[in-house]
Amino acid sequence: MTTPEPTSRERTDLLESLGRHRWFLRFTVRDLSDEQAAQQTTASALCLGGLIEHVALTERQWVNFMVDGPSAMSDGDSEIDWAGGFRMLEGETLAGLLDDYEQVARRTDELVVSLPDLDASHPLPEAPWFEPGARWSARRVLLHVIAETSQHAGHADILRESLDGAKTMG
């Protein structure tokens, strides 16, 4: 993927960090069949394809939040639909999930470059896990997306090692 040319060192650092963690996540699913990517390899309900889908959905929602504010965080999905975002559903393929993730990543990268101000903020939606009245800047959202991607890349590494012993590193 070609990353747009950032306008500042900070934006370059954010994009490089996010890109590195995306790479680790994508590398973890290398050479897998759709069946392997959909397999639950631990006591967890998570599967590798589901993690790719979840990270793409999460990044998409947070990037929409940077542009549109808290309304972007609720798209009417029920908890059942949300839980489905952690599994590969019938008809989904690993290649399709990776392509979707690539499109999400491209949009995010373009937005990081084009946003007029990383300090621009929106109030967080009301939720038990957010402090009432809190606001997040675009910068804070990007740091959160980096953390989410990194965390789930680690989850994926455990699932992959449980599947066939392959490791992302080491």
N, C-alpha and C. Protein backbone atom coordinates (compact mmCIF):
# COMPACT_ATOMS: atom_id res chain seq x y z
N MET A 1 0.84 -1.18 0.00
CA MET A 1 0.00 0.00 0.00
C MET A 1 0.88 1.23 0.00
N THR A 2 0.54 2.22 -0.77
CA THR A 2 1.25 3.48 -0.80
C THR A 2 0.57 4.43 0.16
N THR A 3 1.35 4.97 1.07
CA THR A 3 0.83 5.90 2.06
C THR A 3 0.93 7.31 1.49
N PRO A 4 -0.13 8.12 1.61
CA PRO A 4 -0.04 9.50 1.14
C PRO A 4 1.07 10.24 1.87
N GLU A 5 1.59 11.27 1.25
CA GLU A 5 2.68 12.04 1.84
C GLU A 5 2.16 12.92 2.98
N PRO A 6 2.57 12.63 4.22
CA PRO A 6 2.09 13.43 5.35
C PRO A 6 2.66 14.84 5.32
N THR A 7 2.01 15.72 6.06
CA THR A 7 2.42 17.12 6.06
C THR A 7 3.25 17.48 7.28
N SER A 8 3.43 16.58 8.23
CA SER A 8 4.24 16.89 9.41
C SER A 8 4.89 15.62 9.93
N ARG A 9 5.93 15.80 10.74
CA ARG A 9 6.61 14.65 11.35
C ARG A 9 5.64 13.88 12.24
N GLU A 10 4.79 14.59 12.97
CA GLU A 10 3.82 13.92 13.84
C GLU A 10 2.91 13.01 13.03
N ARG A 11 2.41 13.50 11.94
CA ARG A 11 1.52 12.68 11.11
C ARG A 11 2.27 11.49 10.52
N THR A 12 3.52 11.72 10.13
CA THR A 12 4.35 10.62 9.63
C THR A 12 4.52 9.56 10.72
N ASP A 13 4.81 9.99 11.93
CA ASP A 13 4.99 9.04 13.04
C ASP A 13 3.70 8.25 13.31
N LEU A 14 2.57 8.94 13.31
CA LEU A 14 1.29 8.25 13.54
C LEU A 14 1.03 7.22 12.45
N LEU A 15 1.25 7.60 11.20
CA LEU A 15 1.01 6.68 10.08
C LEU A 15 1.99 5.51 10.10
N GLU A 16 3.25 5.77 10.42
CA GLU A 16 4.23 4.69 10.47
C GLU A 16 3.90 3.71 11.60
N SER A 17 3.51 4.21 12.75
CA SER A 17 3.15 3.33 13.86
C SER A 17 1.93 2.49 13.53
N LEU A 18 0.90 3.13 13.02
CA LEU A 18 -0.31 2.40 12.66
C LEU A 18 -0.01 1.38 11.56
N GLY A 19 0.77 1.77 10.58
CA GLY A 19 1.14 0.85 9.49
C GLY A 19 1.91 -0.36 9.99
N ARG A 20 2.78 -0.16 10.93
CA ARG A 20 3.57 -1.28 11.47
C ARG A 20 2.67 -2.28 12.19
N HIS A 21 1.74 -1.78 13.00
CA HIS A 21 0.85 -2.69 13.73
C HIS A 21 -0.13 -3.38 12.78
N ARG A 22 -0.57 -2.67 11.75
CA ARG A 22 -1.40 -3.32 10.73
C ARG A 22 -0.63 -4.46 10.06
N TRP A 23 0.64 -4.20 9.76
CA TRP A 23 1.47 -5.21 9.11
C TRP A 23 1.56 -6.46 9.98
N PHE A 24 1.82 -6.29 11.27
CA PHE A 24 1.90 -7.44 12.18
C PHE A 24 0.59 -8.23 12.15
N LEU A 25 -0.54 -7.55 12.21
CA LEU A 25 -1.83 -8.24 12.19
C LEU A 25 -2.01 -9.01 10.88
N ARG A 26 -1.74 -8.36 9.77
CA ARG A 26 -1.91 -9.01 8.47
C ARG A 26 -0.91 -10.17 8.30
N PHE A 27 0.29 -10.00 8.78
CA PHE A 27 1.32 -11.04 8.65
C PHE A 27 0.91 -12.30 9.41
N THR A 28 0.22 -12.11 10.51
CA THR A 28 -0.20 -13.25 11.33
C THR A 28 -1.12 -14.19 10.57
N VAL A 29 -1.87 -13.71 9.62
CA VAL A 29 -2.81 -14.57 8.88
C VAL A 29 -2.25 -15.05 7.55
N ARG A 30 -0.96 -14.88 7.36
CA ARG A 30 -0.34 -15.30 6.09
C ARG A 30 -0.55 -16.80 5.85
N ASP A 31 -0.79 -17.13 4.60
CA ASP A 31 -0.86 -18.52 4.13
C ASP A 31 -1.98 -19.34 4.77
N LEU A 32 -3.02 -18.70 5.27
CA LEU A 32 -4.13 -19.44 5.87
C LEU A 32 -5.26 -19.63 4.87
N SER A 33 -5.95 -20.74 5.00
CA SER A 33 -7.17 -20.96 4.22
C SER A 33 -8.32 -20.26 4.94
N ASP A 34 -9.44 -20.12 4.27
CA ASP A 34 -10.62 -19.54 4.89
C ASP A 34 -11.05 -20.37 6.10
N GLU A 35 -10.96 -21.68 5.98
CA GLU A 35 -11.35 -22.56 7.08
C GLU A 35 -10.46 -22.34 8.29
N GLN A 36 -9.17 -22.22 8.07
CA GLN A 36 -8.24 -21.98 9.19
C GLN A 36 -8.51 -20.62 9.82
N ALA A 37 -8.76 -19.61 8.99
CA ALA A 37 -9.00 -18.26 9.50
C ALA A 37 -10.29 -18.18 10.32
N ALA A 38 -11.23 -19.08 10.04
CA ALA A 38 -12.51 -19.09 10.76
C ALA A 38 -12.49 -19.97 12.00
N GLN A 39 -11.44 -20.74 12.17
CA GLN A 39 -11.37 -21.71 13.26
C GLN A 39 -11.10 -21.03 14.61
N GLN A 40 -11.85 -21.45 15.63
CA GLN A 40 -11.59 -21.01 17.00
C GLN A 40 -10.52 -21.94 17.55
N THR A 41 -9.37 -21.39 17.89
CA THR A 41 -8.23 -22.22 18.29
C THR A 41 -7.97 -22.20 19.80
N THR A 42 -8.72 -21.40 20.52
CA THR A 42 -8.57 -21.32 21.97
C THR A 42 -9.96 -21.35 22.59
N ALA A 43 -10.03 -21.25 23.90
CA ALA A 43 -11.32 -21.21 24.59
C ALA A 43 -12.11 -19.96 24.23
N SER A 44 -11.44 -18.97 23.69
CA SER A 44 -12.07 -17.73 23.26
C SER A 44 -12.96 -17.95 22.05
N ALA A 45 -13.93 -17.07 21.86
CA ALA A 45 -14.79 -17.12 20.67
C ALA A 45 -14.09 -16.50 19.46
N LEU A 46 -12.93 -15.92 19.66
CA LEU A 46 -12.23 -15.22 18.59
C LEU A 46 -11.63 -16.19 17.58
N CYS A 47 -11.61 -15.74 16.34
CA CYS A 47 -10.88 -16.44 15.29
C CYS A 47 -10.08 -15.37 14.53
N LEU A 48 -9.11 -15.82 13.76
CA LEU A 48 -8.22 -14.87 13.09
C LEU A 48 -8.96 -13.98 12.09
N GLY A 49 -9.82 -14.56 11.28
CA GLY A 49 -10.59 -13.75 10.34
C GLY A 49 -11.50 -12.77 11.06
N GLY A 50 -12.08 -13.20 12.17
CA GLY A 50 -12.93 -12.33 12.96
C GLY A 50 -12.17 -11.15 13.53
N LEU A 51 -10.91 -11.39 13.92
CA LEU A 51 -10.11 -10.26 14.42
C LEU A 51 -9.83 -9.25 13.32
N ILE A 52 -9.53 -9.73 12.12
CA ILE A 52 -9.32 -8.80 10.99
C ILE A 52 -10.60 -7.98 10.77
N GLU A 53 -11.73 -8.65 10.78
CA GLU A 53 -13.01 -7.97 10.57
C GLU A 53 -13.27 -6.95 11.68
N HIS A 54 -13.03 -7.34 12.92
CA HIS A 54 -13.25 -6.45 14.06
C HIS A 54 -12.35 -5.22 14.01
N VAL A 55 -11.09 -5.42 13.71
CA VAL A 55 -10.16 -4.28 13.66
C VAL A 55 -10.54 -3.33 12.54
N ALA A 56 -10.95 -3.86 11.41
CA ALA A 56 -11.39 -3.00 10.29
C ALA A 56 -12.63 -2.21 10.69
N LEU A 57 -13.60 -2.88 11.30
CA LEU A 57 -14.83 -2.20 11.74
C LEU A 57 -14.52 -1.12 12.77
N THR A 58 -13.68 -1.45 13.73
CA THR A 58 -13.32 -0.49 14.78
C THR A 58 -12.61 0.73 14.20
N GLU A 59 -11.64 0.48 13.32
CA GLU A 59 -10.93 1.60 12.71
C GLU A 59 -11.89 2.46 11.89
N ARG A 60 -12.77 1.82 11.13
CA ARG A 60 -13.74 2.56 10.32
C ARG A 60 -14.62 3.45 11.20
N GLN A 61 -15.13 2.90 12.31
CA GLN A 61 -15.99 3.69 13.19
C GLN A 61 -15.25 4.86 13.81
N TRP A 62 -14.02 4.64 14.28
CA TRP A 62 -13.28 5.74 14.90
C TRP A 62 -12.89 6.81 13.89
N VAL A 63 -12.57 6.41 12.68
CA VAL A 63 -12.25 7.41 11.65
C VAL A 63 -13.50 8.20 11.30
N ASN A 64 -14.64 7.52 11.22
CA ASN A 64 -15.89 8.25 11.01
C ASN A 64 -16.16 9.21 12.16
N PHE A 65 -15.84 8.80 13.38
CA PHE A 65 -15.99 9.68 14.54
C PHE A 65 -15.14 10.94 14.38
N MET A 66 -13.92 10.81 13.88
CA MET A 66 -13.05 11.99 13.70
C MET A 66 -13.70 13.00 12.77
N VAL A 67 -14.46 12.52 11.80
CA VAL A 67 -15.09 13.40 10.82
C VAL A 67 -16.47 13.84 11.27
N ASP A 68 -17.29 12.90 11.75
CA ASP A 68 -18.70 13.16 11.99
C ASP A 68 -19.12 13.24 13.45
N GLY A 69 -18.21 12.95 14.37
CA GLY A 69 -18.55 13.02 15.79
C GLY A 69 -19.24 11.76 16.29
N PRO A 70 -19.88 11.86 17.45
CA PRO A 70 -20.41 10.67 18.13
C PRO A 70 -21.49 9.92 17.36
N SER A 71 -22.19 10.57 16.47
CA SER A 71 -23.23 9.86 15.71
C SER A 71 -22.62 8.74 14.86
N ALA A 72 -21.35 8.84 14.53
CA ALA A 72 -20.68 7.83 13.72
C ALA A 72 -20.44 6.53 14.49
N MET A 73 -20.55 6.59 15.79
CA MET A 73 -20.24 5.42 16.61
C MET A 73 -21.42 4.47 16.76
N SER A 74 -22.62 4.92 16.48
CA SER A 74 -23.78 4.04 16.59
C SER A 74 -24.42 3.92 15.21
N ASP A 75 -24.23 2.74 14.63
CA ASP A 75 -24.80 2.52 13.30
C ASP A 75 -26.01 1.60 13.36
N GLY A 76 -26.61 1.47 14.57
CA GLY A 76 -27.80 0.68 14.72
C GLY A 76 -27.56 -0.80 14.90
N ASP A 77 -26.30 -1.22 14.93
CA ASP A 77 -26.00 -2.64 15.10
C ASP A 77 -26.38 -3.10 16.49
N SER A 78 -26.93 -4.28 16.56
CA SER A 78 -27.26 -4.88 17.85
C SER A 78 -26.03 -5.58 18.40
N GLU A 79 -26.14 -6.03 19.66
CA GLU A 79 -25.03 -6.78 20.25
C GLU A 79 -24.76 -8.05 19.47
N ILE A 80 -25.80 -8.66 18.91
CA ILE A 80 -25.61 -9.87 18.12
C ILE A 80 -24.78 -9.55 16.89
N ASP A 81 -25.10 -8.45 16.20
CA ASP A 81 -24.33 -8.04 15.03
C ASP A 81 -22.89 -7.73 15.43
N TRP A 82 -22.71 -7.06 16.59
CA TRP A 82 -21.37 -6.70 17.06
C TRP A 82 -20.57 -7.98 17.32
N ALA A 83 -21.17 -8.97 17.97
CA ALA A 83 -20.49 -10.23 18.25
C ALA A 83 -20.11 -10.93 16.94
N GLY A 84 -20.95 -10.79 15.92
CA GLY A 84 -20.63 -11.38 14.62
C GLY A 84 -19.39 -10.78 14.00
N GLY A 85 -19.03 -9.59 14.42
CA GLY A 85 -17.83 -8.93 13.92
C GLY A 85 -16.55 -9.54 14.46
N PHE A 86 -16.65 -10.52 15.33
CA PHE A 86 -15.49 -11.22 15.86
C PHE A 86 -15.35 -12.62 15.25
N ARG A 87 -16.26 -12.97 14.36
CA ARG A 87 -16.25 -14.28 13.73
C ARG A 87 -16.32 -14.09 12.22
N MET A 88 -15.85 -15.09 11.50
CA MET A 88 -16.07 -15.10 10.06
C MET A 88 -17.43 -15.70 9.83
N LEU A 89 -18.28 -14.96 9.18
CA LEU A 89 -19.63 -15.42 8.91
C LEU A 89 -19.67 -16.19 7.60
N GLU A 90 -20.72 -16.96 7.41
CA GLU A 90 -20.86 -17.74 6.19
C GLU A 90 -20.75 -16.82 4.97
N GLY A 91 -19.95 -17.24 4.03
CA GLY A 91 -19.76 -16.46 2.81
C GLY A 91 -18.58 -15.51 2.86
N GLU A 92 -18.08 -15.22 4.05
CA GLU A 92 -16.91 -14.34 4.15
C GLU A 92 -15.64 -15.13 3.86
N THR A 93 -14.69 -14.44 3.24
CA THR A 93 -13.39 -15.05 2.97
C THR A 93 -12.31 -14.20 3.62
N LEU A 94 -11.20 -14.85 3.91
CA LEU A 94 -10.07 -14.10 4.48
C LEU A 94 -9.60 -13.04 3.50
N ALA A 95 -9.53 -13.38 2.22
CA ALA A 95 -9.11 -12.40 1.21
C ALA A 95 -10.05 -11.20 1.18
N GLY A 96 -11.35 -11.46 1.27
CA GLY A 96 -12.32 -10.36 1.28
C GLY A 96 -12.18 -9.49 2.52
N LEU A 97 -11.97 -10.12 3.67
CA LEU A 97 -11.79 -9.34 4.90
C LEU A 97 -10.51 -8.51 4.84
N LEU A 98 -9.45 -9.07 4.29
CA LEU A 98 -8.19 -8.32 4.15
C LEU A 98 -8.34 -7.17 3.16
N ASP A 99 -9.09 -7.39 2.08
CA ASP A 99 -9.34 -6.31 1.11
C ASP A 99 -10.12 -5.17 1.77
N ASP A 100 -11.15 -5.52 2.55
CA ASP A 100 -11.92 -4.50 3.26
C ASP A 100 -11.02 -3.72 4.22
N TYR A 101 -10.19 -4.44 4.95
CA TYR A 101 -9.27 -3.79 5.90
C TYR A 101 -8.32 -2.85 5.15
N GLU A 102 -7.86 -3.26 3.99
CA GLU A 102 -6.98 -2.42 3.18
C GLU A 102 -7.68 -1.12 2.77
N GLN A 103 -8.95 -1.21 2.39
CA GLN A 103 -9.71 -0.01 2.02
C GLN A 103 -9.89 0.91 3.22
N VAL A 104 -10.19 0.34 4.37
CA VAL A 104 -10.32 1.13 5.60
C VAL A 104 -9.00 1.83 5.90
N ALA A 105 -7.90 1.08 5.81
CA ALA A 105 -6.57 1.64 6.10
C ALA A 105 -6.24 2.78 5.14
N ARG A 106 -6.56 2.59 3.87
CA ARG A 106 -6.27 3.64 2.88
C ARG A 106 -7.04 4.93 3.22
N ARG A 107 -8.31 4.78 3.58
CA ARG A 107 -9.11 5.96 3.94
C ARG A 107 -8.54 6.65 5.18
N THR A 108 -8.18 5.85 6.17
CA THR A 108 -7.60 6.42 7.39
C THR A 108 -6.33 7.20 7.07
N ASP A 109 -5.44 6.58 6.31
CA ASP A 109 -4.18 7.23 5.98
C ASP A 109 -4.40 8.54 5.22
N GLU A 110 -5.33 8.53 4.28
CA GLU A 110 -5.63 9.75 3.53
C GLU A 110 -6.18 10.83 4.46
N LEU A 111 -7.01 10.42 5.41
CA LEU A 111 -7.58 11.39 6.33
C LEU A 111 -6.52 11.97 7.28
N VAL A 112 -5.61 11.13 7.74
CA VAL A 112 -4.54 11.63 8.62
C VAL A 112 -3.75 12.72 7.92
N VAL A 113 -3.52 12.55 6.64
CA VAL A 113 -2.78 13.55 5.87
C VAL A 113 -3.60 14.81 5.63
N SER A 114 -4.90 14.64 5.39
CA SER A 114 -5.70 15.78 4.95
C SER A 114 -6.43 16.53 6.07
N LEU A 115 -6.53 15.95 7.26
CA LEU A 115 -7.23 16.66 8.33
C LEU A 115 -6.57 18.01 8.59
N PRO A 116 -7.34 19.06 8.66
CA PRO A 116 -6.74 20.37 8.90
C PRO A 116 -6.10 20.50 10.28
N ASP A 117 -6.64 19.76 11.27
CA ASP A 117 -6.16 19.97 12.64
C ASP A 117 -6.34 18.68 13.46
N LEU A 118 -5.25 18.11 13.92
CA LEU A 118 -5.33 16.91 14.76
C LEU A 118 -5.88 17.22 16.15
N ASP A 119 -5.96 18.50 16.50
CA ASP A 119 -6.53 18.89 17.79
C ASP A 119 -8.05 19.00 17.75
N ALA A 120 -8.63 18.96 16.56
CA ALA A 120 -10.10 19.03 16.45
C ALA A 120 -10.69 17.87 17.23
N SER A 121 -11.74 18.16 18.02
CA SER A 121 -12.29 17.11 18.88
C SER A 121 -13.81 17.05 18.79
N HIS A 122 -14.32 15.92 19.27
CA HIS A 122 -15.76 15.69 19.37
C HIS A 122 -16.04 15.09 20.73
N PRO A 123 -17.23 15.30 21.25
CA PRO A 123 -17.60 14.61 22.49
C PRO A 123 -17.75 13.12 22.22
N LEU A 124 -17.31 12.32 23.18
CA LEU A 124 -17.50 10.88 23.05
C LEU A 124 -18.97 10.54 23.23
N PRO A 125 -19.43 9.49 22.59
CA PRO A 125 -20.82 9.09 22.80
C PRO A 125 -21.02 8.62 24.24
N GLU A 126 -22.24 8.71 24.70
CA GLU A 126 -22.52 8.23 26.05
C GLU A 126 -22.39 6.72 26.07
N ALA A 127 -21.56 6.23 26.99
CA ALA A 127 -21.34 4.79 27.16
C ALA A 127 -20.71 4.58 28.53
N PRO A 128 -20.95 3.45 29.16
CA PRO A 128 -20.40 3.19 30.49
C PRO A 128 -18.87 3.22 30.53
N TRP A 129 -18.22 2.96 29.40
CA TRP A 129 -16.76 2.90 29.38
C TRP A 129 -16.11 4.25 29.05
N PHE A 130 -16.90 5.27 28.79
CA PHE A 130 -16.36 6.61 28.56
C PHE A 130 -16.72 7.52 29.72
N GLU A 131 -15.78 8.36 30.10
CA GLU A 131 -16.03 9.36 31.15
C GLU A 131 -17.10 10.33 30.64
N PRO A 132 -18.11 10.61 31.45
CA PRO A 132 -19.15 11.55 31.01
C PRO A 132 -18.55 12.91 30.63
N GLY A 133 -18.97 13.41 29.49
CA GLY A 133 -18.52 14.72 29.04
C GLY A 133 -17.15 14.75 28.39
N ALA A 134 -16.49 13.60 28.26
CA ALA A 134 -15.15 13.56 27.68
C ALA A 134 -15.20 13.85 26.18
N ARG A 135 -14.11 14.42 25.70
CA ARG A 135 -13.93 14.70 24.27
C ARG A 135 -12.62 14.08 23.84
N TRP A 136 -12.58 13.61 22.61
CA TRP A 136 -11.33 13.09 22.05
C TRP A 136 -10.99 13.87 20.79
N SER A 137 -9.73 14.24 20.72
CA SER A 137 -9.22 14.89 19.51
C SER A 137 -8.95 13.82 18.45
N ALA A 138 -8.75 14.26 17.23
CA ALA A 138 -8.38 13.34 16.16
C ALA A 138 -7.09 12.61 16.54
N ARG A 139 -6.16 13.32 17.14
CA ARG A 139 -4.90 12.72 17.58
C ARG A 139 -5.16 11.59 18.57
N ARG A 140 -6.02 11.84 19.56
CA ARG A 140 -6.33 10.83 20.58
C ARG A 140 -7.02 9.62 19.94
N VAL A 141 -7.88 9.86 18.98
CA VAL A 141 -8.54 8.76 18.27
C VAL A 141 -7.50 7.91 17.54
N LEU A 142 -6.57 8.54 16.87
CA LEU A 142 -5.53 7.80 16.15
C LEU A 142 -4.67 6.97 17.10
N LEU A 143 -4.34 7.55 18.25
CA LEU A 143 -3.58 6.78 19.25
C LEU A 143 -4.39 5.58 19.73
N HIS A 144 -5.69 5.75 19.88
CA HIS A 144 -6.55 4.64 20.28
C HIS A 144 -6.60 3.56 19.20
N VAL A 145 -6.70 3.95 17.95
CA VAL A 145 -6.72 2.98 16.85
C VAL A 145 -5.39 2.22 16.80
N ILE A 146 -4.29 2.90 17.03
CA ILE A 146 -2.99 2.23 17.07
C ILE A 146 -2.97 1.21 18.20
N ALA A 147 -3.45 1.60 19.38
CA ALA A 147 -3.47 0.69 20.52
C ALA A 147 -4.37 -0.51 20.25
N GLU A 148 -5.55 -0.28 19.70
CA GLU A 148 -6.47 -1.37 19.37
C GLU A 148 -5.84 -2.35 18.37
N THR A 149 -5.20 -1.81 17.36
CA THR A 149 -4.59 -2.64 16.33
C THR A 149 -3.47 -3.47 16.93
N SER A 150 -2.65 -2.85 17.76
CA SER A 150 -1.55 -3.54 18.41
C SER A 150 -2.06 -4.64 19.34
N GLN A 151 -3.06 -4.32 20.13
CA GLN A 151 -3.63 -5.30 21.07
C GLN A 151 -4.17 -6.51 20.31
N HIS A 152 -4.89 -6.26 19.23
CA HIS A 152 -5.49 -7.36 18.49
C HIS A 152 -4.46 -8.12 17.65
N ALA A 153 -3.37 -7.47 17.27
CA ALA A 153 -2.29 -8.19 16.61
C ALA A 153 -1.69 -9.21 17.58
N GLY A 154 -1.59 -8.85 18.85
CA GLY A 154 -1.13 -9.79 19.87
C GLY A 154 -2.11 -10.94 20.06
N HIS A 155 -3.40 -10.62 20.09
CA HIS A 155 -4.41 -11.68 20.17
C HIS A 155 -4.26 -12.63 18.98
N ALA A 156 -4.11 -12.06 17.80
CA ALA A 156 -4.00 -12.87 16.59
C ALA A 156 -2.78 -13.78 16.66
N ASP A 157 -1.69 -13.29 17.21
CA ASP A 157 -0.48 -14.10 17.31
C ASP A 157 -0.73 -15.33 18.19
N ILE A 158 -1.44 -15.16 19.29
CA ILE A 158 -1.78 -16.29 20.16
C ILE A 158 -2.67 -17.28 19.43
N LEU A 159 -3.68 -16.77 18.74
CA LEU A 159 -4.58 -17.66 18.00
C LEU A 159 -3.84 -18.42 16.91
N ARG A 160 -2.93 -17.75 16.20
CA ARG A 160 -2.19 -18.40 15.13
C ARG A 160 -1.26 -19.47 15.70
N GLU A 161 -0.58 -19.15 16.77
CA GLU A 161 0.32 -20.14 17.37
C GLU A 161 -0.47 -21.36 17.85
N SER A 162 -1.68 -21.13 18.37
CA SER A 162 -2.54 -22.25 18.79
C SER A 162 -3.03 -23.06 17.60
N LEU A 163 -3.15 -22.43 16.45
CA LEU A 163 -3.64 -23.12 15.24
C LEU A 163 -2.59 -24.06 14.68
N ASP A 164 -1.38 -23.53 14.43
CA ASP A 164 -0.39 -24.35 13.73
C ASP A 164 1.05 -24.10 14.19
N GLY A 165 1.21 -23.39 15.29
CA GLY A 165 2.55 -23.16 15.81
C GLY A 165 3.29 -21.99 15.19
N ALA A 166 2.74 -21.40 14.13
CA ALA A 166 3.40 -20.27 13.47
C ALA A 166 3.37 -19.05 14.37
N LYS A 167 4.42 -18.26 14.32
CA LYS A 167 4.53 -17.06 15.14
C LYS A 167 4.79 -15.85 14.23
N THR A 168 4.37 -14.71 14.69
CA THR A 168 4.65 -13.49 13.96
C THR A 168 6.12 -13.12 14.11
N MET A 169 6.64 -13.32 15.30
CA MET A 169 8.06 -13.01 15.57
C MET A 169 8.66 -14.19 16.34
N GLY A 170 9.95 -14.39 16.14
CA GLY A 170 10.68 -15.39 16.95
C GLY A 170 10.67 -16.77 16.47
